PDB file of N, CA and C in Angstrom:
ATOM      1  N   UNK A   1      51.449  48.880 -56.556  1.00  0.00           N
ATOM      2  CA  UNK A   1      52.102  47.745 -57.216  1.00  0.00           C
ATOM      3  C   UNK A   1      51.357  46.440 -56.950  1.00  0.00           C
ATOM      4  N   UNK A   2      51.029  46.176 -55.681  1.00  0.00           N
ATOM      5  CA  UNK A   2      50.338  44.931 -55.326  1.00  0.00           C
ATOM      6  C   UNK A   2      48.937  44.894 -55.932  1.00  0.00           C
ATOM      7  N   UNK A   3      48.264  46.055 -55.961  1.00  0.00           N
ATOM      8  CA  UNK A   3      46.916  46.102 -56.528  1.00  0.00           C
ATOM      9  C   UNK A   3      46.952  45.796 -58.017  1.00  0.00           C
ATOM     10  N   UNK A   4      47.905  46.385 -58.737  1.00  0.00           N
ATOM     11  CA  UNK A   4      47.970  46.123 -60.178  1.00  0.00           C
ATOM     12  C   UNK A   4      48.343  44.669 -60.435  1.00  0.00           C
ATOM     13  N   UNK A   5      49.181  44.087 -59.583  1.00  0.00           N
ATOM     14  CA  UNK A   5      49.518  42.665 -59.725  1.00  0.00           C
ATOM     15  C   UNK A   5      48.263  41.803 -59.550  1.00  0.00           C
ATOM     16  N   UNK A   6      47.475  42.097 -58.518  1.00  0.00           N
ATOM     17  CA  UNK A   6      46.246  41.341 -58.269  1.00  0.00           C
ATOM     18  C   UNK A   6      45.273  41.509 -59.433  1.00  0.00           C
ATOM     19  N   UNK A   7      45.114  42.732 -59.917  1.00  0.00           N
ATOM     20  CA  UNK A   7      44.190  42.992 -61.022  1.00  0.00           C
ATOM     21  C   UNK A   7      44.650  42.306 -62.301  1.00  0.00           C
ATOM     22  N   UNK A   8      45.961  42.278 -62.540  1.00  0.00           N
ATOM     23  CA  UNK A   8      46.501  41.575 -63.710  1.00  0.00           C
ATOM     24  C   UNK A   8      46.196  40.081 -63.623  1.00  0.00           C
ATOM     25  N   UNK A   9      46.397  39.503 -62.434  1.00  0.00           N
ATOM     26  CA  UNK A   9      46.106  38.075 -62.249  1.00  0.00           C
ATOM     27  C   UNK A   9      44.636  37.779 -62.515  1.00  0.00           C
ATOM     28  N   UNK A  10      43.757  38.633 -61.998  1.00  0.00           N
ATOM     29  CA  UNK A  10      42.318  38.428 -62.160  1.00  0.00           C
ATOM     30  C   UNK A  10      41.909  38.577 -63.621  1.00  0.00           C
ATOM     31  N   UNK A  11      42.482  39.572 -64.318  1.00  0.00           N
ATOM     32  CA  UNK A  11      42.076  39.798 -65.705  1.00  0.00           C
ATOM     33  C   UNK A  11      42.658  38.760 -66.663  1.00  0.00           C
ATOM     34  N   UNK A  12      43.745  38.092 -66.275  1.00  0.00           N
ATOM     35  CA  UNK A  12      44.366  37.142 -67.204  1.00  0.00           C
ATOM     36  C   UNK A  12      44.063  35.677 -66.877  1.00  0.00           C
ATOM     37  N   UNK A  13      43.240  35.431 -65.869  1.00  0.00           N
ATOM     38  CA  UNK A  13      42.860  34.059 -65.507  1.00  0.00           C
ATOM     39  C   UNK A  13      41.347  33.987 -65.293  1.00  0.00           C
ATOM     40  N   UNK A  14      40.741  32.911 -65.776  1.00  0.00           N
ATOM     41  CA  UNK A  14      39.289  32.752 -65.623  1.00  0.00           C
ATOM     42  C   UNK A  14      38.870  32.686 -64.168  1.00  0.00           C
ATOM     43  N   UNK A  15      39.661  31.985 -63.363  1.00  0.00           N
ATOM     44  CA  UNK A  15      39.362  31.846 -61.940  1.00  0.00           C
ATOM     45  C   UNK A  15      40.647  32.066 -61.154  1.00  0.00           C
ATOM     46  N   UNK A  16      40.567  32.913 -60.126  1.00  0.00           N
ATOM     47  CA  UNK A  16      41.711  33.154 -59.251  1.00  0.00           C
ATOM     48  C   UNK A  16      41.253  32.984 -57.810  1.00  0.00           C
ATOM     49  N   UNK A  17      42.043  32.241 -57.041  1.00  0.00           N
ATOM     50  CA  UNK A  17      41.795  32.081 -55.610  1.00  0.00           C
ATOM     51  C   UNK A  17      43.008  32.631 -54.870  1.00  0.00           C
ATOM     52  N   UNK A  18      42.797  33.721 -54.150  1.00  0.00           N
ATOM     53  CA  UNK A  18      43.823  34.235 -53.243  1.00  0.00           C
ATOM     54  C   UNK A  18      43.618  33.488 -51.937  1.00  0.00           C
ATOM     55  N   UNK A  19      44.667  32.815 -51.474  1.00  0.00           N
ATOM     56  CA  UNK A  19      44.540  31.805 -50.440  1.00  0.00           C
ATOM     57  C   UNK A  19      45.703  31.885 -49.470  1.00  0.00           C
ATOM     58  N   UNK A  20      45.635  31.101 -48.406  1.00  0.00           N
ATOM     59  CA  UNK A  20      46.784  30.843 -47.530  1.00  0.00           C
ATOM     60  C   UNK A  20      46.851  29.327 -47.343  1.00  0.00           C
ATOM     61  N   UNK A  21      48.048  28.800 -47.364  1.00  0.00           N
ATOM     62  CA  UNK A  21      48.222  27.344 -47.387  1.00  0.00           C
ATOM     63  C   UNK A  21      47.586  26.656 -46.190  1.00  0.00           C
ATOM     64  N   UNK A  22      47.543  27.308 -45.036  1.00  0.00           N
ATOM     65  CA  UNK A  22      47.048  26.681 -43.809  1.00  0.00           C
ATOM     66  C   UNK A  22      45.565  26.939 -43.539  1.00  0.00           C
ATOM     67  N   UNK A  23      44.901  27.678 -44.411  1.00  0.00           N
ATOM     68  CA  UNK A  23      43.512  28.088 -44.169  1.00  0.00           C
ATOM     69  C   UNK A  23      42.540  26.972 -44.571  1.00  0.00           C
ATOM     70  N   UNK A  24      41.763  26.501 -43.604  1.00  0.00           N
ATOM     71  CA  UNK A  24      40.823  25.404 -43.895  1.00  0.00           C
ATOM     72  C   UNK A  24      39.728  25.837 -44.875  1.00  0.00           C
ATOM     73  N   UNK A  25      39.289  27.103 -44.807  1.00  0.00           N
ATOM     74  CA  UNK A  25      38.274  27.579 -45.751  1.00  0.00           C
ATOM     75  C   UNK A  25      38.835  27.613 -47.167  1.00  0.00           C
ATOM     76  N   UNK A  26      40.083  28.049 -47.291  1.00  0.00           N
ATOM     77  CA  UNK A  26      40.757  28.054 -48.596  1.00  0.00           C
ATOM     78  C   UNK A  26      40.863  26.633 -49.135  1.00  0.00           C
ATOM     79  N   UNK A  27      41.262  25.705 -48.258  1.00  0.00           N
ATOM     80  CA  UNK A  27      41.416  24.319 -48.689  1.00  0.00           C
ATOM     81  C   UNK A  27      40.081  23.718 -49.123  1.00  0.00           C
ATOM     82  N   UNK A  28      38.984  24.122 -48.491  1.00  0.00           N
ATOM     83  CA  UNK A  28      37.657  23.643 -48.900  1.00  0.00           C
ATOM     84  C   UNK A  28      37.319  24.109 -50.314  1.00  0.00           C
ATOM     85  N   UNK A  29      37.616  25.380 -50.610  1.00  0.00           N
ATOM     86  CA  UNK A  29      37.342  25.915 -51.948  1.00  0.00           C
ATOM     87  C   UNK A  29      38.238  25.232 -52.979  1.00  0.00           C
ATOM     88  N   UNK A  30      39.523  25.056 -52.646  1.00  0.00           N
ATOM     89  CA  UNK A  30      40.444  24.403 -53.589  1.00  0.00           C
ATOM     90  C   UNK A  30      40.007  22.958 -53.846  1.00  0.00           C
ATOM     91  N   UNK A  31      39.554  22.255 -52.801  1.00  0.00           N
ATOM     92  CA  UNK A  31      39.088  20.881 -52.976  1.00  0.00           C
ATOM     93  C   UNK A  31      37.854  20.851 -53.872  1.00  0.00           C
ATOM     94  N   UNK A  32      36.917  21.750 -53.631  1.00  0.00           N
ATOM     95  CA  UNK A  32      35.717  21.819 -54.475  1.00  0.00           C
ATOM     96  C   UNK A  32      36.101  22.064 -55.926  1.00  0.00           C
ATOM     97  N   UNK A  33      36.977  23.050 -56.177  1.00  0.00           N
ATOM     98  CA  UNK A  33      37.382  23.357 -57.541  1.00  0.00           C
ATOM     99  C   UNK A  33      38.112  22.172 -58.167  1.00  0.00           C
ATOM    100  N   UNK A  34      38.970  21.505 -57.394  1.00  0.00           N
ATOM    101  CA  UNK A  34      39.664  20.326 -57.921  1.00  0.00           C
ATOM    102  C   UNK A  34      38.663  19.216 -58.253  1.00  0.00           C
ATOM    103  N   UNK A  35      37.688  18.991 -57.371  1.00  0.00           N
ATOM    104  CA  UNK A  35      36.676  17.950 -57.602  1.00  0.00           C
ATOM    105  C   UNK A  35      35.845  18.256 -58.843  1.00  0.00           C
ATOM    106  N   UNK A  36      35.594  19.541 -59.102  1.00  0.00           N
ATOM    107  CA  UNK A  36      34.799  19.942 -60.270  1.00  0.00           C
ATOM    108  C   UNK A  36      35.633  19.993 -61.549  1.00  0.00           C
ATOM    109  N   UNK A  37      36.962  19.878 -61.408  1.00  0.00           N
ATOM    110  CA  UNK A  37      37.836  19.954 -62.580  1.00  0.00           C
ATOM    111  C   UNK A  37      38.042  21.371 -63.076  1.00  0.00           C
ATOM    112  N   UNK A  38      38.051  22.317 -62.150  1.00  0.00           N
ATOM    113  CA  UNK A  38      38.210  23.726 -62.507  1.00  0.00           C
ATOM    114  C   UNK A  38      39.685  24.024 -62.772  1.00  0.00           C
ATOM    115  N   UNK A  39      39.931  24.786 -63.826  1.00  0.00           N
ATOM    116  CA  UNK A  39      41.268  25.322 -64.083  1.00  0.00           C
ATOM    117  C   UNK A  39      41.317  26.672 -63.395  1.00  0.00           C
ATOM    118  N   UNK A  40      42.204  26.817 -62.437  1.00  0.00           N
ATOM    119  CA  UNK A  40      42.247  28.078 -61.699  1.00  0.00           C
ATOM    120  C   UNK A  40      43.671  28.424 -61.288  1.00  0.00           C
ATOM    121  N   UNK A  41      43.857  29.703 -61.044  1.00  0.00           N
ATOM    122  CA  UNK A  41      45.146  30.226 -60.584  1.00  0.00           C
ATOM    123  C   UNK A  41      45.048  30.389 -59.078  1.00  0.00           C
ATOM    124  N   UNK A  42      46.016  29.822 -58.386  1.00  0.00           N
ATOM    125  CA  UNK A  42      46.037  29.927 -56.932  1.00  0.00           C
ATOM    126  C   UNK A  42      47.187  30.843 -56.535  1.00  0.00           C
ATOM    127  N   UNK A  43      46.912  31.786 -55.664  1.00  0.00           N
ATOM    128  CA  UNK A  43      47.951  32.677 -55.154  1.00  0.00           C
ATOM    129  C   UNK A  43      47.967  32.495 -53.640  1.00  0.00           C
ATOM    130  N   UNK A  44      49.019  31.825 -53.159  1.00  0.00           N
ATOM    131  CA  UNK A  44      49.153  31.560 -51.722  1.00  0.00           C
ATOM    132  C   UNK A  44      49.821  32.775 -51.076  1.00  0.00           C
ATOM    133  N   UNK A  45      49.023  33.585 -50.401  1.00  0.00           N
ATOM    134  CA  UNK A  45      49.522  34.854 -49.870  1.00  0.00           C
ATOM    135  C   UNK A  45      50.562  34.672 -48.770  1.00  0.00           C
ATOM    136  N   UNK A  46      50.541  33.513 -48.094  1.00  0.00           N
ATOM    137  CA  UNK A  46      51.543  33.282 -47.047  1.00  0.00           C
ATOM    138  C   UNK A  46      52.869  32.789 -47.622  1.00  0.00           C
ATOM    139  N   UNK A  47      52.920  32.516 -48.912  1.00  0.00           N
ATOM    140  CA  UNK A  47      54.136  32.046 -49.574  1.00  0.00           C
ATOM    141  C   UNK A  47      54.742  33.156 -50.440  1.00  0.00           C
ATOM    142  N   UNK A  48      53.882  33.971 -51.041  1.00  0.00           N
ATOM    143  CA  UNK A  48      54.342  35.070 -51.900  1.00  0.00           C
ATOM    144  C   UNK A  48      55.122  36.086 -51.066  1.00  0.00           C
ATOM    145  N   UNK A  49      56.218  36.597 -51.619  1.00  0.00           N
ATOM    146  CA  UNK A  49      57.030  37.576 -50.881  1.00  0.00           C
ATOM    147  C   UNK A  49      56.242  38.855 -50.619  1.00  0.00           C
ATOM    148  N   UNK A  50      55.306  39.189 -51.513  1.00  0.00           N
ATOM    149  CA  UNK A  50      54.497  40.397 -51.330  1.00  0.00           C
ATOM    150  C   UNK A  50      53.050  40.056 -50.951  1.00  0.00           C
ATOM    151  N   UNK A  51      52.863  38.895 -50.338  1.00  0.00           N
ATOM    152  CA  UNK A  51      51.518  38.432 -49.985  1.00  0.00           C
ATOM    153  C   UNK A  51      50.751  39.384 -49.083  1.00  0.00           C
ATOM    154  N   UNK A  52      51.447  39.956 -48.097  1.00  0.00           N
ATOM    155  CA  UNK A  52      50.794  40.906 -47.194  1.00  0.00           C
ATOM    156  C   UNK A  52      50.299  42.136 -47.934  1.00  0.00           C
ATOM    157  N   UNK A  53      51.118  42.634 -48.852  1.00  0.00           N
ATOM    158  CA  UNK A  53      50.729  43.803 -49.649  1.00  0.00           C
ATOM    159  C   UNK A  53      49.563  43.468 -50.569  1.00  0.00           C
ATOM    160  N   UNK A  54      49.603  42.275 -51.171  1.00  0.00           N
ATOM    161  CA  UNK A  54      48.506  41.863 -52.046  1.00  0.00           C
ATOM    162  C   UNK A  54      47.215  41.750 -51.240  1.00  0.00           C
ATOM    163  N   UNK A  55      47.296  41.158 -50.039  1.00  0.00           N
ATOM    164  CA  UNK A  55      46.095  41.013 -49.218  1.00  0.00           C
ATOM    165  C   UNK A  55      45.538  42.393 -48.838  1.00  0.00           C
ATOM    166  N   UNK A  56      46.405  43.331 -48.508  1.00  0.00           N
ATOM    167  CA  UNK A  56      45.958  44.691 -48.179  1.00  0.00           C
ATOM    168  C   UNK A  56      45.313  45.357 -49.399  1.00  0.00           C
ATOM    169  N   UNK A  57      45.906  45.149 -50.578  1.00  0.00           N
ATOM    170  CA  UNK A  57      45.353  45.726 -51.805  1.00  0.00           C
ATOM    171  C   UNK A  57      43.989  45.106 -52.125  1.00  0.00           C
ATOM    172  N   UNK A  58      43.866  43.796 -51.915  1.00  0.00           N
ATOM    173  CA  UNK A  58      42.577  43.128 -52.137  1.00  0.00           C
ATOM    174  C   UNK A  58      41.516  43.675 -51.190  1.00  0.00           C
ATOM    175  N   UNK A  59      41.902  43.936 -49.943  1.00  0.00           N
ATOM    176  CA  UNK A  59      40.955  44.483 -48.964  1.00  0.00           C
ATOM    177  C   UNK A  59      40.432  45.837 -49.434  1.00  0.00           C
ATOM    178  N   UNK A  60      41.324  46.670 -49.976  1.00  0.00           N
ATOM    179  CA  UNK A  60      40.888  47.968 -50.504  1.00  0.00           C
ATOM    180  C   UNK A  60      39.990  47.800 -51.717  1.00  0.00           C
ATOM    181  N   UNK A  61      40.366  46.877 -52.605  1.00  0.00           N
ATOM    182  CA  UNK A  61      39.669  46.692 -53.875  1.00  0.00           C
ATOM    183  C   UNK A  61      38.302  46.050 -53.669  1.00  0.00           C
ATOM    184  N   UNK A  62      38.228  45.034 -52.806  1.00  0.00           N
ATOM    185  CA  UNK A  62      37.012  44.224 -52.696  1.00  0.00           C
ATOM    186  C   UNK A  62      36.256  44.421 -51.380  1.00  0.00           C
ATOM    187  N   UNK A  63      36.835  45.172 -50.457  1.00  0.00           N
ATOM    188  CA  UNK A  63      36.280  45.304 -49.097  1.00  0.00           C
ATOM    189  C   UNK A  63      36.242  43.969 -48.368  1.00  0.00           C
ATOM    190  N   UNK A  64      37.076  43.037 -48.786  1.00  0.00           N
ATOM    191  CA  UNK A  64      37.179  41.733 -48.124  1.00  0.00           C
ATOM    192  C   UNK A  64      38.627  41.513 -47.730  1.00  0.00           C
ATOM    193  N   UNK A  65      38.871  41.373 -46.436  1.00  0.00           N
ATOM    194  CA  UNK A  65      40.242  41.190 -45.951  1.00  0.00           C
ATOM    195  C   UNK A  65      40.587  39.701 -45.827  1.00  0.00           C
ATOM    196  N   UNK A  66      39.569  38.866 -45.696  1.00  0.00           N
ATOM    197  CA  UNK A  66      39.795  37.452 -45.412  1.00  0.00           C
ATOM    198  C   UNK A  66      40.083  36.648 -46.681  1.00  0.00           C
ATOM    199  N   UNK A  67      40.639  35.457 -46.466  1.00  0.00           N
ATOM    200  CA  UNK A  67      40.841  34.501 -47.552  1.00  0.00           C
ATOM    201  C   UNK A  67      39.981  33.272 -47.264  1.00  0.00           C
ATOM    202  N   UNK A  68      39.581  32.530 -48.283  1.00  0.00           N
ATOM    203  CA  UNK A  68      39.907  32.750 -49.687  1.00  0.00           C
ATOM    204  C   UNK A  68      39.177  33.974 -50.238  1.00  0.00           C
ATOM    205  N   UNK A  69      39.799  34.593 -51.202  1.00  0.00           N
ATOM    206  CA  UNK A  69      39.206  35.710 -51.917  1.00  0.00           C
ATOM    207  C   UNK A  69      39.146  35.255 -53.369  1.00  0.00           C
ATOM    208  N   UNK A  70      37.933  34.978 -53.845  1.00  0.00           N
ATOM    209  CA  UNK A  70      37.738  34.264 -55.106  1.00  0.00           C
ATOM    210  C   UNK A  70      37.182  35.193 -56.185  1.00  0.00           C
ATOM    211  N   UNK A  71      37.757  35.067 -57.369  1.00  0.00           N
ATOM    212  CA  UNK A  71      37.286  35.789 -58.552  1.00  0.00           C
ATOM    213  C   UNK A  71      36.979  34.771 -59.638  1.00  0.00           C
ATOM    214  N   UNK A  72      35.832  34.931 -60.296  1.00  0.00           N
ATOM    215  CA  UNK A  72      35.466  34.077 -61.428  1.00  0.00           C
ATOM    216  C   UNK A  72      35.077  34.993 -62.579  1.00  0.00           C
ATOM    217  N   UNK A  73      35.724  34.787 -63.711  1.00  0.00           N
ATOM    218  CA  UNK A  73      35.422  35.603 -64.888  1.00  0.00           C
ATOM    219  C   UNK A  73      35.637  37.082 -64.645  1.00  0.00           C
ATOM    220  N   UNK A  74      36.644  37.401 -63.833  1.00  0.00           N
ATOM    221  CA  UNK A  74      36.951  38.799 -63.563  1.00  0.00           C
ATOM    222  C   UNK A  74      36.068  39.438 -62.508  1.00  0.00           C
ATOM    223  N   UNK A  75      35.074  38.710 -62.015  1.00  0.00           N
ATOM    224  CA  UNK A  75      34.156  39.261 -61.012  1.00  0.00           C
ATOM    225  C   UNK A  75      34.531  38.750 -59.629  1.00  0.00           C
ATOM    226  N   UNK A  76      34.453  39.645 -58.644  1.00  0.00           N
ATOM    227  CA  UNK A  76      34.721  39.249 -57.265  1.00  0.00           C
ATOM    228  C   UNK A  76      33.539  38.432 -56.759  1.00  0.00           C
ATOM    229  N   UNK A  77      33.806  37.203 -56.335  1.00  0.00           N
ATOM    230  CA  UNK A  77      32.758  36.311 -55.835  1.00  0.00           C
ATOM    231  C   UNK A  77      32.651  36.415 -54.323  1.00  0.00           C
ATOM    232  N   UNK A  78      33.788  36.455 -53.651  1.00  0.00           N
ATOM    233  CA  UNK A  78      33.797  36.521 -52.194  1.00  0.00           C
ATOM    234  C   UNK A  78      34.634  35.385 -51.638  1.00  0.00           C
ATOM    235  N   UNK A  79      34.202  34.868 -50.495  1.00  0.00           N
ATOM    236  CA  UNK A  79      34.956  33.835 -49.809  1.00  0.00           C
ATOM    237  C   UNK A  79      34.319  32.470 -49.918  1.00  0.00           C
ATOM    238  N   UNK A  80      34.688  31.609 -48.996  1.00  0.00           N
ATOM    239  CA  UNK A  80      34.241  30.220 -48.985  1.00  0.00           C
ATOM    240  C   UNK A  80      32.712  30.119 -48.963  1.00  0.00           C
ATOM    241  N   UNK A  81      32.073  30.862 -48.065  1.00  0.00           N
ATOM    242  CA  UNK A  81      30.612  30.794 -47.958  1.00  0.00           C
ATOM    243  C   UNK A  81      29.946  31.193 -49.266  1.00  0.00           C
ATOM    244  N   UNK A  82      30.469  32.223 -49.915  1.00  0.00           N
ATOM    245  CA  UNK A  82      29.890  32.690 -51.183  1.00  0.00           C
ATOM    246  C   UNK A  82      30.017  31.629 -52.266  1.00  0.00           C
ATOM    247  N   UNK A  83      31.178  30.986 -52.341  1.00  0.00           N
ATOM    248  CA  UNK A  83      31.402  29.953 -53.353  1.00  0.00           C
ATOM    249  C   UNK A  83      30.447  28.783 -53.131  1.00  0.00           C
ATOM    250  N   UNK A  84      30.325  28.334 -51.880  1.00  0.00           N
ATOM    251  CA  UNK A  84      29.449  27.199 -51.600  1.00  0.00           C
ATOM    252  C   UNK A  84      27.970  27.566 -51.745  1.00  0.00           C
ATOM    253  N   UNK A  85      27.618  28.822 -51.483  1.00  0.00           N
ATOM    254  CA  UNK A  85      26.242  29.279 -51.707  1.00  0.00           C
ATOM    255  C   UNK A  85      25.923  29.244 -53.203  1.00  0.00           C
ATOM    256  N   UNK A  86      26.879  29.642 -54.029  1.00  0.00           N
ATOM    257  CA  UNK A  86      26.687  29.570 -55.488  1.00  0.00           C
ATOM    258  C   UNK A  86      26.518  28.126 -55.929  1.00  0.00           C
ATOM    259  N   UNK A  87      27.308  27.235 -55.330  1.00  0.00           N
ATOM    260  CA  UNK A  87      27.194  25.818 -55.688  1.00  0.00           C
ATOM    261  C   UNK A  87      25.822  25.282 -55.299  1.00  0.00           C
ATOM    262  N   UNK A  88      25.378  25.623 -54.094  1.00  0.00           N
ATOM    263  CA  UNK A  88      24.087  25.130 -53.606  1.00  0.00           C
ATOM    264  C   UNK A  88      22.948  25.637 -54.482  1.00  0.00           C
ATOM    265  N   UNK A  89      23.051  26.874 -54.946  1.00  0.00           N
ATOM    266  CA  UNK A  89      21.993  27.449 -55.784  1.00  0.00           C
ATOM    267  C   UNK A  89      22.181  27.087 -57.264  1.00  0.00           C
ATOM    268  N   UNK A  90      23.157  26.220 -57.536  1.00  0.00           N
ATOM    269  CA  UNK A  90      23.448  25.737 -58.896  1.00  0.00           C
ATOM    270  C   UNK A  90      23.848  26.856 -59.856  1.00  0.00           C
ATOM    271  N   UNK A  91      24.468  27.897 -59.319  1.00  0.00           N
ATOM    272  CA  UNK A  91      24.942  28.996 -60.168  1.00  0.00           C
ATOM    273  C   UNK A  91      26.446  28.943 -60.387  1.00  0.00           C
ATOM    274  N   UNK A  92      27.136  28.078 -59.637  1.00  0.00           N
ATOM    275  CA  UNK A  92      28.595  28.032 -59.728  1.00  0.00           C
ATOM    276  C   UNK A  92      29.072  27.473 -61.068  1.00  0.00           C
ATOM    277  N   UNK A  93      28.539  26.331 -61.477  1.00  0.00           N
ATOM    278  CA  UNK A  93      28.998  25.695 -62.719  1.00  0.00           C
ATOM    279  C   UNK A  93      28.751  26.599 -63.931  1.00  0.00           C
ATOM    280  N   UNK A  94      27.561  27.232 -64.054  1.00  0.00           N
ATOM    281  CA  UNK A  94      27.392  28.160 -65.181  1.00  0.00           C
ATOM    282  C   UNK A  94      28.410  29.314 -65.173  1.00  0.00           C
ATOM    283  N   UNK A  95      28.725  29.842 -64.000  1.00  0.00           N
ATOM    284  CA  UNK A  95      29.742  30.898 -63.910  1.00  0.00           C
ATOM    285  C   UNK A  95      31.101  30.382 -64.365  1.00  0.00           C
ATOM    286  N   UNK A  96      31.449  29.191 -63.900  1.00  0.00           N
ATOM    287  CA  UNK A  96      32.736  28.595 -64.277  1.00  0.00           C
ATOM    288  C   UNK A  96      32.786  28.287 -65.769  1.00  0.00           C
ATOM    289  N   UNK A  97      31.664  27.832 -66.310  1.00  0.00           N
ATOM    290  CA  UNK A  97      31.588  27.535 -67.743  1.00  0.00           C
ATOM    291  C   UNK A  97      31.775  28.815 -68.549  1.00  0.00           C
ATOM    292  N   UNK A  98      31.092  29.868 -68.135  1.00  0.00           N
ATOM    293  CA  UNK A  98      31.189  31.162 -68.812  1.00  0.00           C
ATOM    294  C   UNK A  98      32.626  31.677 -68.765  1.00  0.00           C
ATOM    295  N   UNK A  99      33.328  31.414 -67.671  1.00  0.00           N
ATOM    296  CA  UNK A  99      34.725  31.845 -67.527  1.00  0.00           C
ATOM    297  C   UNK A  99      35.689  30.894 -68.228  1.00  0.00           C
ATOM    298  N   UNK A 100      35.148  29.875 -68.882  1.00  0.00           N
ATOM    299  CA  UNK A 100      35.953  28.863 -69.590  1.00  0.00           C
ATOM    300  C   UNK A 100      36.964  28.210 -68.652  1.00  0.00           C
ATOM    301  N   UNK A 101      36.502  27.893 -67.436  1.00  0.00           N
ATOM    302  CA  UNK A 101      37.395  27.367 -66.414  1.00  0.00           C
ATOM    303  C   UNK A 101      37.138  25.891 -66.111  1.00  0.00           C
ATOM    304  N   UNK A 102      36.202  25.285 -66.810  1.00  0.00           N
ATOM    305  CA  UNK A 102      35.934  23.870 -66.575  1.00  0.00           C
ATOM    306  C   UNK A 102      36.585  23.043 -67.664  1.00  0.00           C
ATOM    307  N   UNK A 103      37.350  22.037 -67.257  1.00  0.00           N
ATOM    308  CA  UNK A 103      37.956  21.147 -68.239  1.00  0.00           C
ATOM    309  C   UNK A 103      36.889  20.158 -68.684  1.00  0.00           C
ATOM    310  N   UNK A 104      36.821  19.942 -69.954  1.00  0.00           N
ATOM    311  CA  UNK A 104      35.758  19.081 -70.479  1.00  0.00           C
ATOM    312  C   UNK A 104      34.461  19.849 -70.501  1.00  0.00           C
ATOM    313  N   UNK A 105      33.388  19.204 -70.885  1.00  0.00           N
ATOM    314  CA  UNK A 105      32.100  19.906 -70.944  1.00  0.00           C
ATOM    315  C   UNK A 105      31.060  19.109 -70.191  1.00  0.00           C
ATOM    316  N   UNK A 106      31.389  18.744 -68.967  1.00  0.00           N
ATOM    317  CA  UNK A 106      30.430  17.994 -68.155  1.00  0.00           C
ATOM    318  C   UNK A 106      29.302  18.927 -67.767  1.00  0.00           C
ATOM    319  N   UNK A 107      28.105  18.400 -67.715  1.00  0.00           N
ATOM    320  CA  UNK A 107      26.950  19.250 -67.421  1.00  0.00           C
ATOM    321  C   UNK A 107      26.386  18.927 -66.047  1.00  0.00           C
ATOM    322  N   UNK A 108      27.253  18.697 -65.075  1.00  0.00           N
ATOM    323  CA  UNK A 108      26.757  18.386 -63.738  1.00  0.00           C
ATOM    324  C   UNK A 108      26.650  19.630 -62.891  1.00  0.00           C
TER     325      UNK A 108
END
């Protein structure tokens, strides 16, 4: 049940961040996405009633137990380090653009 819920969220949203409200790495990714004007779905696993089950299902699906667990355009990106590595290599914005997750058409 939790796995299908996670997969449904990923397939129906351009960008999904599975997060925990108190996680500094999660907050860094959310701040970056907010600064870039990204439209994204946030799932706070510590607030969701089935958050523990979703996190366990994500671990099985992606081999990543930690948060943030980020998906862009239906593809598993990884965590905070992966997102910032994509930004540093200038691959993040093209991925977000392809996922139709950037508001406006800024080319930065």
